[in-house]
Every structure is written in structure tokens, then in C-alpha cells.
Amino acid sequence: MKFAAIILLSLLTFPPKGIHGFKFTSIDGETVSLSKFKGKKILIVNTASKCGFTPQYAELEKLSQEYKDKLVIIGFPANNFGGQEPGSNEDIQEFCQKNYGVSFLMAEKVSVKGEDINSLFKYLTTEDNPDFTGDIKWNFEKFLIDENGKLIHRFRSAVKPDSPELTKYL
């Protein structure tokens, strides 16, 4: 009994091994496993609808179309910065489609920092990487993951999705 409790506790405490061990809920309510994207690069972006960086949705959509055979883009709406994502999942989805024609994968609204941080973002912000670790500073930070689930590069908000700084890795 004691051994079973230790195993259960370890499963609850330790994150899945690597990025492909994570699952999330899409904005449509479907469970999505990142293991589904093995063999492709993944660009994870914390997004918001009422931010100065919100026009990056258009660039993310363009990138997702241009590199659709080898890149998966996933937007994670978050209301952690200045209340810039106050809407419901339905509001966010409608806004993204109406204003930017977003067809890339969107997750349900999550928290990307603080005590209620989503486990994926906790992993991404503490994962040892050559760029920087630590809290996300604002909306539209980007995490580029390689085909094997390794973090290639983390980009701050001001780096546009279609900038050579990012696209050189694609």
C-alpha cells in the first residue's frame, strides 16, 4: 500500500518526460496530445486578443499555412497580462477567426504564470534552454520545439513570427 502511494504521488508530482508527454484541451474542448506532433516542429505561443502584439495572429496564420507540412502552431490564450484576454473560449475563437482568419490550433484559455500556471508552461519556463528561463514577461512569447520535442529557441513578444530570427529555424 505504501509503495502504491509513492508511485501515485510521483505520477502527480513529476511532469511527463519531454514535451511530447503533455496533453492540453483545445479551444473546442478536445483533448490533444503533443505526441501527435512528433516529427514536426511546434511553435507554442501565449496569446491575447486585446494586446499591442495581437496583430501577430495574422503572421502566425501566414506561417502556419506556409510551413503546414513541417510546423504546428498552437496558440494558448491567457489573461495574465493587463487583463488583455478577458473573453470566454467562444469569444476568443470568434475573435480570432473573424479578425485574423485563424485556422491553426488554439488551446482553451490557460494561465501562463503565477501559482495557477499551466503545467506545460511551467515546464517550458523552467526547462533548461540556451536563450532564457523564467517567467513569461508578456503576451505572444514563443517557444519553438524541434521534431524530437527539444526546445530550440524561446522568443520574446517583440519577435514577429515571420521574422528571419525565427524562420531561420524552419
N, C-alpha and C. Protein backbone atom coordinates (compact mmCIF):
# COMPACT_ATOMS: atom_id res chain seq x y z
N MET A 1 0.83 -1.20 0.00
CA MET A 1 0.00 0.00 0.00
C MET A 1 0.87 1.26 0.00
N LYS A 2 1.90 1.25 0.82
CA LYS A 2 2.79 2.39 0.91
C LYS A 2 3.49 2.62 -0.43
N PHE A 3 3.92 1.52 -1.07
CA PHE A 3 4.60 1.60 -2.36
C PHE A 3 3.69 2.20 -3.43
N ALA A 4 2.43 1.77 -3.44
CA ALA A 4 1.45 2.30 -4.40
C ALA A 4 1.23 3.79 -4.20
N ALA A 5 1.21 4.23 -2.96
CA ALA A 5 1.03 5.65 -2.66
C ALA A 5 2.21 6.46 -3.17
N ILE A 6 3.41 5.92 -3.04
CA ILE A 6 4.61 6.61 -3.53
C ILE A 6 4.57 6.73 -5.05
N ILE A 7 4.18 5.67 -5.72
CA ILE A 7 4.08 5.71 -7.18
C ILE A 7 3.03 6.72 -7.62
N LEU A 8 1.88 6.70 -6.98
CA LEU A 8 0.82 7.65 -7.32
C LEU A 8 1.29 9.08 -7.09
N LEU A 9 1.95 9.34 -5.98
CA LEU A 9 2.47 10.68 -5.69
C LEU A 9 3.48 11.11 -6.74
N SER A 10 4.35 10.20 -7.17
CA SER A 10 5.35 10.56 -8.17
C SER A 10 4.69 10.88 -9.51
N LEU A 11 3.62 10.19 -9.85
CA LEU A 11 2.90 10.49 -11.09
C LEU A 11 2.24 11.85 -11.04
N LEU A 12 1.80 12.25 -9.87
CA LEU A 12 1.15 13.55 -9.71
C LEU A 12 2.14 14.70 -9.64
N THR A 13 3.36 14.42 -9.19
CA THR A 13 4.33 15.46 -8.94
C THR A 13 5.26 15.73 -10.12
N PHE A 14 5.67 14.70 -10.81
CA PHE A 14 6.66 14.86 -11.86
C PHE A 14 5.97 15.07 -13.21
N PRO A 15 6.49 16.02 -14.00
CA PRO A 15 5.88 16.27 -15.30
C PRO A 15 6.18 15.11 -16.25
N PRO A 16 5.41 15.01 -17.31
CA PRO A 16 5.69 13.98 -18.31
C PRO A 16 7.11 14.16 -18.84
N LYS A 17 7.69 13.08 -19.30
CA LYS A 17 9.05 13.16 -19.84
C LYS A 17 9.02 13.85 -21.20
N GLY A 18 9.57 15.03 -21.28
CA GLY A 18 9.64 15.76 -22.53
C GLY A 18 8.31 16.38 -22.94
N ILE A 19 8.39 17.21 -23.92
CA ILE A 19 7.24 17.98 -24.38
C ILE A 19 6.14 17.08 -24.95
N HIS A 20 6.54 15.98 -25.58
CA HIS A 20 5.55 15.09 -26.19
C HIS A 20 4.71 14.33 -25.17
N GLY A 21 5.06 14.42 -23.89
CA GLY A 21 4.27 13.79 -22.85
C GLY A 21 3.09 14.63 -22.38
N PHE A 22 3.00 15.86 -22.84
CA PHE A 22 1.93 16.77 -22.39
C PHE A 22 0.68 16.64 -23.25
N LYS A 23 -0.45 16.91 -22.61
CA LYS A 23 -1.75 17.00 -23.29
C LYS A 23 -2.36 18.33 -22.90
N PHE A 24 -3.26 18.81 -23.73
CA PHE A 24 -3.99 20.04 -23.42
C PHE A 24 -5.39 19.94 -24.02
N THR A 25 -6.24 20.85 -23.62
CA THR A 25 -7.59 20.90 -24.16
C THR A 25 -7.66 22.02 -25.19
N SER A 26 -8.15 21.67 -26.37
CA SER A 26 -8.26 22.67 -27.43
C SER A 26 -9.40 23.63 -27.10
N ILE A 27 -9.46 24.72 -27.82
CA ILE A 27 -10.50 25.72 -27.61
C ILE A 27 -11.88 25.14 -27.92
N ASP A 28 -11.90 24.03 -28.68
CA ASP A 28 -13.15 23.33 -28.99
C ASP A 28 -13.50 22.26 -27.95
N GLY A 29 -12.64 22.10 -26.94
CA GLY A 29 -12.92 21.13 -25.89
C GLY A 29 -12.36 19.74 -26.13
N GLU A 30 -11.56 19.56 -27.17
CA GLU A 30 -10.96 18.26 -27.46
C GLU A 30 -9.63 18.11 -26.72
N THR A 31 -9.33 16.90 -26.26
CA THR A 31 -8.03 16.62 -25.65
C THR A 31 -7.02 16.36 -26.76
N VAL A 32 -5.90 17.06 -26.71
CA VAL A 32 -4.86 16.94 -27.73
C VAL A 32 -3.55 16.56 -27.05
N SER A 33 -2.91 15.51 -27.53
CA SER A 33 -1.61 15.09 -27.02
C SER A 33 -0.53 15.65 -27.93
N LEU A 34 0.49 16.25 -27.34
CA LEU A 34 1.58 16.79 -28.15
C LEU A 34 2.37 15.67 -28.83
N SER A 35 2.22 14.43 -28.36
CA SER A 35 2.90 13.31 -29.01
C SER A 35 2.40 13.13 -30.44
N LYS A 36 1.22 13.62 -30.72
CA LYS A 36 0.62 13.57 -32.05
C LYS A 36 1.49 14.31 -33.07
N PHE A 37 2.32 15.23 -32.59
CA PHE A 37 3.10 16.08 -33.48
C PHE A 37 4.58 15.69 -33.56
N LYS A 38 4.93 14.51 -33.06
CA LYS A 38 6.31 14.03 -33.21
C LYS A 38 6.65 14.04 -34.69
N GLY A 39 7.86 14.50 -35.00
CA GLY A 39 8.28 14.58 -36.40
C GLY A 39 8.03 15.93 -37.03
N LYS A 40 7.35 16.82 -36.31
CA LYS A 40 7.13 18.19 -36.78
C LYS A 40 7.64 19.16 -35.73
N LYS A 41 7.99 20.35 -36.17
CA LYS A 41 8.31 21.41 -35.22
C LYS A 41 7.00 21.93 -34.65
N ILE A 42 7.06 22.44 -33.42
CA ILE A 42 5.89 23.01 -32.76
C ILE A 42 6.25 24.42 -32.29
N LEU A 43 5.39 25.37 -32.58
CA LEU A 43 5.55 26.73 -32.08
C LEU A 43 4.41 26.99 -31.11
N ILE A 44 4.75 27.14 -29.83
CA ILE A 44 3.78 27.39 -28.78
C ILE A 44 3.82 28.87 -28.44
N VAL A 45 2.64 29.51 -28.46
CA VAL A 45 2.56 30.96 -28.27
C VAL A 45 1.47 31.28 -27.25
N ASN A 46 1.80 32.09 -26.24
CA ASN A 46 0.73 32.58 -25.35
C ASN A 46 0.14 33.83 -26.00
N THR A 47 -1.17 33.82 -26.18
CA THR A 47 -1.83 34.86 -26.98
C THR A 47 -2.82 35.68 -26.15
N ALA A 48 -3.26 36.79 -26.74
CA ALA A 48 -4.28 37.65 -26.13
C ALA A 48 -4.92 38.49 -27.23
N SER A 49 -6.20 38.77 -27.07
CA SER A 49 -6.98 39.46 -28.11
C SER A 49 -6.92 40.99 -28.04
N LYS A 50 -6.52 41.54 -26.91
CA LYS A 50 -6.54 43.00 -26.73
C LYS A 50 -5.15 43.52 -26.36
N CYS A 51 -4.18 43.15 -27.15
CA CYS A 51 -2.77 43.46 -26.86
C CYS A 51 -2.16 44.16 -28.07
N GLY A 52 -1.14 44.94 -27.83
CA GLY A 52 -0.43 45.57 -28.93
C GLY A 52 0.20 44.57 -29.89
N PHE A 53 0.44 43.36 -29.41
CA PHE A 53 1.03 42.31 -30.24
C PHE A 53 -0.03 41.43 -30.92
N THR A 54 -1.30 41.69 -30.69
CA THR A 54 -2.38 40.87 -31.25
C THR A 54 -2.30 40.72 -32.77
N PRO A 55 -1.85 41.74 -33.53
CA PRO A 55 -1.72 41.55 -34.99
C PRO A 55 -0.79 40.39 -35.37
N GLN A 56 -0.01 39.89 -34.43
CA GLN A 56 0.83 38.73 -34.73
C GLN A 56 -0.01 37.50 -35.08
N TYR A 57 -1.29 37.50 -34.73
CA TYR A 57 -2.17 36.40 -35.15
C TYR A 57 -2.11 36.22 -36.67
N ALA A 58 -2.11 37.33 -37.41
CA ALA A 58 -2.07 37.27 -38.87
C ALA A 58 -0.76 36.63 -39.34
N GLU A 59 0.35 37.01 -38.72
CA GLU A 59 1.65 36.45 -39.09
C GLU A 59 1.74 34.97 -38.71
N LEU A 60 1.16 34.61 -37.56
CA LEU A 60 1.13 33.20 -37.15
C LEU A 60 0.32 32.37 -38.15
N GLU A 61 -0.82 32.92 -38.59
CA GLU A 61 -1.65 32.21 -39.57
C GLU A 61 -0.89 32.03 -40.88
N LYS A 62 -0.22 33.08 -41.32
CA LYS A 62 0.56 33.00 -42.57
C LYS A 62 1.66 31.94 -42.43
N LEU A 63 2.34 31.94 -41.32
CA LEU A 63 3.40 30.96 -41.06
C LEU A 63 2.83 29.54 -41.04
N SER A 64 1.67 29.37 -40.41
CA SER A 64 1.07 28.04 -40.33
C SER A 64 0.70 27.51 -41.71
N GLN A 65 0.29 28.39 -42.60
CA GLN A 65 -0.05 27.98 -43.97
C GLN A 65 1.22 27.68 -44.78
N GLU A 66 2.21 28.54 -44.63
CA GLU A 66 3.45 28.40 -45.40
C GLU A 66 4.24 27.15 -45.02
N TYR A 67 4.24 26.79 -43.75
CA TYR A 67 5.03 25.66 -43.26
C TYR A 67 4.17 24.51 -42.76
N LYS A 68 2.94 24.39 -43.26
CA LYS A 68 1.97 23.44 -42.71
C LYS A 68 2.43 21.98 -42.73
N ASP A 69 3.35 21.63 -43.61
CA ASP A 69 3.82 20.24 -43.67
C ASP A 69 4.85 19.90 -42.61
N LYS A 70 5.47 20.94 -42.00
CA LYS A 70 6.52 20.64 -41.03
C LYS A 70 6.44 21.44 -39.73
N LEU A 71 5.39 22.24 -39.57
CA LEU A 71 5.25 23.07 -38.37
C LEU A 71 3.81 23.07 -37.88
N VAL A 72 3.66 22.91 -36.57
CA VAL A 72 2.35 23.03 -35.92
C VAL A 72 2.40 24.24 -35.01
N ILE A 73 1.47 25.16 -35.17
CA ILE A 73 1.39 26.33 -34.30
C ILE A 73 0.23 26.11 -33.35
N ILE A 74 0.47 26.38 -32.07
CA ILE A 74 -0.58 26.26 -31.07
C ILE A 74 -0.63 27.54 -30.25
N GLY A 75 -1.76 28.22 -30.30
CA GLY A 75 -1.97 29.42 -29.51
C GLY A 75 -2.64 29.05 -28.19
N PHE A 76 -2.10 29.61 -27.11
CA PHE A 76 -2.65 29.40 -25.77
C PHE A 76 -3.10 30.75 -25.22
N PRO A 77 -4.39 31.09 -25.35
CA PRO A 77 -4.88 32.36 -24.81
C PRO A 77 -4.67 32.41 -23.30
N ALA A 78 -4.25 33.58 -22.83
CA ALA A 78 -4.01 33.76 -21.39
C ALA A 78 -4.36 35.19 -21.00
N ASN A 79 -4.89 35.34 -19.82
CA ASN A 79 -5.31 36.66 -19.33
C ASN A 79 -4.38 37.14 -18.21
N ASN A 80 -3.11 36.77 -18.28
CA ASN A 80 -2.16 37.08 -17.22
C ASN A 80 -1.57 38.49 -17.29
N PHE A 81 -1.72 39.17 -18.40
CA PHE A 81 -1.04 40.44 -18.58
C PHE A 81 -2.02 41.55 -18.93
N GLY A 82 -2.27 42.42 -17.98
CA GLY A 82 -3.11 43.58 -18.21
C GLY A 82 -4.56 43.27 -18.54
N GLY A 83 -5.04 42.08 -18.19
CA GLY A 83 -6.42 41.73 -18.50
C GLY A 83 -6.72 41.77 -19.98
N GLN A 84 -5.74 41.42 -20.81
CA GLN A 84 -5.88 41.57 -22.26
C GLN A 84 -6.53 40.38 -22.96
N GLU A 85 -6.96 39.39 -22.17
CA GLU A 85 -7.72 38.27 -22.74
C GLU A 85 -8.88 37.94 -21.81
N PRO A 86 -9.86 38.87 -21.72
CA PRO A 86 -10.94 38.69 -20.75
C PRO A 86 -12.05 37.75 -21.19
N GLY A 87 -12.13 37.45 -22.48
CA GLY A 87 -13.27 36.70 -23.01
C GLY A 87 -13.27 35.22 -22.69
N SER A 88 -14.39 34.59 -23.02
CA SER A 88 -14.53 33.14 -22.89
C SER A 88 -13.82 32.47 -24.07
N ASN A 89 -13.70 31.15 -24.01
CA ASN A 89 -13.11 30.42 -25.13
C ASN A 89 -13.88 30.69 -26.42
N GLU A 90 -15.19 30.75 -26.33
CA GLU A 90 -16.02 31.02 -27.52
C GLU A 90 -15.75 32.42 -28.06
N ASP A 91 -15.64 33.40 -27.16
CA ASP A 91 -15.35 34.78 -27.59
C ASP A 91 -13.99 34.85 -28.30
N ILE A 92 -13.01 34.17 -27.72
CA ILE A 92 -11.64 34.19 -28.27
C ILE A 92 -11.64 33.55 -29.66
N GLN A 93 -12.28 32.40 -29.77
CA GLN A 93 -12.32 31.70 -31.04
C GLN A 93 -12.99 32.55 -32.12
N GLU A 94 -14.10 33.16 -31.79
CA GLU A 94 -14.81 34.02 -32.74
C GLU A 94 -13.94 35.20 -33.15
N PHE A 95 -13.30 35.85 -32.18
CA PHE A 95 -12.43 36.99 -32.45
C PHE A 95 -11.30 36.60 -33.41
N CYS A 96 -10.64 35.48 -33.12
CA CYS A 96 -9.50 35.04 -33.94
C CYS A 96 -9.90 34.72 -35.37
N GLN A 97 -11.02 34.05 -35.53
CA GLN A 97 -11.46 33.68 -36.87
C GLN A 97 -11.97 34.90 -37.65
N LYS A 98 -12.75 35.74 -36.98
CA LYS A 98 -13.34 36.91 -37.65
C LYS A 98 -12.27 37.93 -38.05
N ASN A 99 -11.33 38.21 -37.16
CA ASN A 99 -10.36 39.28 -37.40
C ASN A 99 -9.06 38.84 -38.07
N TYR A 100 -8.68 37.57 -37.91
CA TYR A 100 -7.38 37.13 -38.43
C TYR A 100 -7.45 35.83 -39.22
N GLY A 101 -8.64 35.26 -39.37
CA GLY A 101 -8.78 34.02 -40.13
C GLY A 101 -7.98 32.86 -39.56
N VAL A 102 -7.83 32.85 -38.25
CA VAL A 102 -7.00 31.84 -37.59
C VAL A 102 -7.57 30.44 -37.83
N SER A 103 -6.73 29.58 -38.40
CA SER A 103 -7.11 28.18 -38.59
C SER A 103 -6.16 27.25 -37.86
N PHE A 104 -5.06 27.81 -37.34
CA PHE A 104 -4.13 26.96 -36.59
C PHE A 104 -4.74 26.58 -35.25
N LEU A 105 -4.16 25.62 -34.61
CA LEU A 105 -4.69 25.05 -33.38
C LEU A 105 -4.66 26.07 -32.24
N MET A 106 -5.79 26.19 -31.56
CA MET A 106 -5.88 27.06 -30.39
C MET A 106 -6.28 26.20 -29.19
N ALA A 107 -5.67 26.47 -28.06
CA ALA A 107 -6.00 25.79 -26.81
C ALA A 107 -7.05 26.58 -26.07
N GLU A 108 -7.64 25.94 -25.06
CA GLU A 108 -8.53 26.68 -24.18
C GLU A 108 -7.69 27.69 -23.41
N LYS A 109 -8.33 28.69 -22.86
CA LYS A 109 -7.64 29.73 -22.09
C LYS A 109 -6.96 29.10 -20.88
N VAL A 110 -5.68 29.49 -20.66
CA VAL A 110 -4.88 28.96 -19.55
C VAL A 110 -4.19 30.10 -18.81
N SER A 111 -3.52 29.76 -17.74
CA SER A 111 -2.65 30.70 -17.05
C SER A 111 -1.22 30.33 -17.40
N VAL A 112 -0.40 31.33 -17.76
CA VAL A 112 0.98 31.05 -18.17
C VAL A 112 2.01 31.52 -17.15
N LYS A 113 1.53 31.99 -15.99
CA LYS A 113 2.46 32.34 -14.91
C LYS A 113 1.69 32.40 -13.59
N GLY A 114 2.43 32.42 -12.51
CA GLY A 114 1.79 32.51 -11.20
C GLY A 114 1.51 31.14 -10.59
N GLU A 115 0.79 31.15 -9.50
CA GLU A 115 0.51 29.92 -8.77
C GLU A 115 -0.35 28.94 -9.57
N ASP A 116 -1.19 29.45 -10.46
CA ASP A 116 -2.06 28.57 -11.23
C ASP A 116 -1.53 28.32 -12.65
N ILE A 117 -0.21 28.44 -12.83
CA ILE A 117 0.40 28.25 -14.14
C ILE A 117 0.07 26.86 -14.70
N ASN A 118 -0.25 26.83 -15.97
CA ASN A 118 -0.50 25.58 -16.69
C ASN A 118 0.78 24.74 -16.67
N SER A 119 0.65 23.44 -16.50
CA SER A 119 1.83 22.57 -16.36
C SER A 119 2.76 22.63 -17.58
N LEU A 120 2.22 22.79 -18.77
CA LEU A 120 3.06 22.90 -19.96
C LEU A 120 3.94 24.15 -19.88
N PHE A 121 3.36 25.26 -19.47
CA PHE A 121 4.13 26.50 -19.38
C PHE A 121 5.10 26.48 -18.20
N LYS A 122 4.75 25.77 -17.15
CA LYS A 122 5.69 25.60 -16.04
C LYS A 122 6.93 24.86 -16.56
N TYR A 123 6.69 23.82 -17.33
CA TYR A 123 7.78 23.05 -17.93
C TYR A 123 8.61 23.93 -18.87
N LEU A 124 7.95 24.66 -19.77
CA LEU A 124 8.66 25.47 -20.76
C LEU A 124 9.47 26.59 -20.12
N THR A 125 8.97 27.17 -19.04
CA THR A 125 9.68 28.31 -18.43
C THR A 125 10.76 27.87 -17.45
N THR A 126 10.79 26.59 -17.11
CA THR A 126 11.85 26.09 -16.23
C THR A 126 12.81 25.17 -16.97
N GLU A 127 12.43 24.75 -18.17
CA GLU A 127 13.27 23.88 -18.99
C GLU A 127 14.59 24.61 -19.28
N ASP A 128 15.68 23.90 -19.07
CA ASP A 128 16.99 24.48 -19.35
C ASP A 128 17.08 24.75 -20.86
N ASN A 129 17.36 25.98 -21.20
CA ASN A 129 17.49 26.31 -22.62
C ASN A 129 18.57 27.37 -22.81
N PRO A 130 19.11 27.44 -24.01
CA PRO A 130 20.22 28.36 -24.25
C PRO A 130 19.83 29.83 -24.29
N ASP A 131 18.54 30.12 -24.36
CA ASP A 131 18.09 31.50 -24.51
C ASP A 131 17.84 32.15 -23.16
N PHE A 132 16.82 31.68 -22.47
CA PHE A 132 16.50 32.19 -21.15
C PHE A 132 15.43 31.32 -20.53
N THR A 133 15.41 31.30 -19.22
CA THR A 133 14.35 30.62 -18.49
C THR A 133 13.63 31.69 -17.69
N GLY A 134 12.66 31.28 -16.94
CA GLY A 134 11.95 32.23 -16.09
C GLY A 134 10.59 32.58 -16.64
N ASP A 135 9.91 33.39 -15.87
CA ASP A 135 8.53 33.75 -16.18
C ASP A 135 8.38 34.39 -17.56
N ILE A 136 7.24 34.15 -18.13
CA ILE A 136 6.85 34.85 -19.35
C ILE A 136 6.60 36.30 -18.95
N LYS A 137 7.11 37.22 -19.75
CA LYS A 137 7.01 38.65 -19.43
C LYS A 137 5.77 39.31 -19.98
N TRP A 138 5.23 38.80 -21.11
CA TRP A 138 4.08 39.43 -21.74
C TRP A 138 3.45 38.47 -22.73
N ASN A 139 2.37 38.91 -23.36
CA ASN A 139 1.69 38.11 -24.37
C ASN A 139 2.57 37.90 -25.60
N PHE A 140 2.32 36.82 -26.30
CA PHE A 140 2.96 36.48 -27.56
C PHE A 140 4.44 36.11 -27.43
N GLU A 141 4.82 35.53 -26.29
CA GLU A 141 6.13 34.88 -26.24
C GLU A 141 5.99 33.56 -26.98
N LYS A 142 7.08 33.13 -27.60
CA LYS A 142 7.04 31.97 -28.47
C LYS A 142 8.11 30.95 -28.07
N PHE A 143 7.71 29.68 -28.09
CA PHE A 143 8.61 28.57 -27.78
C PHE A 143 8.64 27.67 -29.00
N LEU A 144 9.81 27.54 -29.63
CA LEU A 144 9.95 26.69 -30.81
C LEU A 144 10.58 25.36 -30.39
N ILE A 145 9.86 24.28 -30.68
CA ILE A 145 10.25 22.94 -30.30
C ILE A 145 10.63 22.18 -31.57
N ASP A 146 11.70 21.37 -31.51
CA ASP A 146 12.10 20.61 -32.70
C ASP A 146 11.25 19.34 -32.86
N GLU A 147 11.54 18.60 -33.92
CA GLU A 147 10.77 17.41 -34.27
C GLU A 147 10.82 16.31 -33.20
N ASN A 148 11.85 16.35 -32.37
CA ASN A 148 12.03 15.34 -31.32
C ASN A 148 11.55 15.83 -29.95
N GLY A 149 10.98 17.04 -29.90
CA GLY A 149 10.45 17.55 -28.64
C GLY A 149 11.41 18.39 -27.83
N LYS A 150 12.54 18.77 -28.41
CA LYS A 150 13.53 19.58 -27.70
C LYS A 150 13.31 21.06 -28.00
N LEU A 151 13.41 21.89 -26.97
CA LEU A 151 13.27 23.33 -27.15
C LEU A 151 14.44 23.86 -27.97
N ILE A 152 14.12 24.45 -29.12
CA ILE A 152 15.15 25.03 -30.00
C ILE A 152 15.48 26.44 -29.53
N HIS A 153 14.42 27.23 -29.33
CA HIS A 153 14.64 28.64 -29.03
C HIS A 153 13.37 29.21 -28.41
N ARG A 154 13.56 30.18 -27.55
CA ARG A 154 12.45 30.92 -26.95
C ARG A 154 12.57 32.36 -27.40
N PHE A 155 11.47 32.93 -27.85
CA PHE A 155 11.47 34.29 -28.38
C PHE A 155 10.55 35.17 -27.54
N ARG A 156 10.97 36.38 -27.26
CA ARG A 156 10.13 37.34 -26.55
C ARG A 156 9.06 37.88 -27.49
N SER A 157 8.13 38.62 -26.93
CA SER A 157 6.95 39.11 -27.64
C SER A 157 7.26 39.94 -28.88
N ALA A 158 8.28 40.76 -28.83
CA ALA A 158 8.57 41.67 -29.93
C ALA A 158 9.09 40.95 -31.18
N VAL A 159 9.52 39.71 -31.05
CA VAL A 159 9.99 38.96 -32.22
C VAL A 159 8.76 38.50 -33.00
N LYS A 160 8.64 39.01 -34.21
CA LYS A 160 7.49 38.67 -35.04
C LYS A 160 7.61 37.23 -35.56
N PRO A 161 6.49 36.54 -35.68
CA PRO A 161 6.53 35.15 -36.13
C PRO A 161 7.19 34.95 -37.49
N ASP A 162 7.06 35.94 -38.38
CA ASP A 162 7.64 35.79 -39.71
C ASP A 162 9.02 36.44 -39.83
N SER A 163 9.63 36.79 -38.70
CA SER A 163 10.96 37.41 -38.75
C SER A 163 12.03 36.38 -39.09
N PRO A 164 13.09 36.80 -39.77
CA PRO A 164 14.18 35.88 -40.07
C PRO A 164 14.78 35.26 -38.79
N GLU A 165 14.72 35.99 -37.71
CA GLU A 165 15.23 35.48 -36.42
C GLU A 165 14.54 34.16 -36.04
N LEU A 166 13.26 34.06 -36.35
CA LEU A 166 12.50 32.84 -36.06
C LEU A 166 12.51 31.87 -37.25
N THR A 167 12.23 32.37 -38.43
CA THR A 167 12.06 31.48 -39.59
C THR A 167 13.35 30.77 -40.00
N LYS A 168 14.50 31.25 -39.57
CA LYS A 168 15.74 30.56 -39.92
C LYS A 168 15.78 29.14 -39.33
N TYR A 169 14.97 28.90 -38.32
CA TYR A 169 14.92 27.56 -37.71
C TYR A 169 13.92 26.64 -38.40
N LEU A 170 13.16 27.17 -39.35
CA LEU A 170 12.13 26.37 -40.01
C LEU A 170 12.64 25.81 -41.32
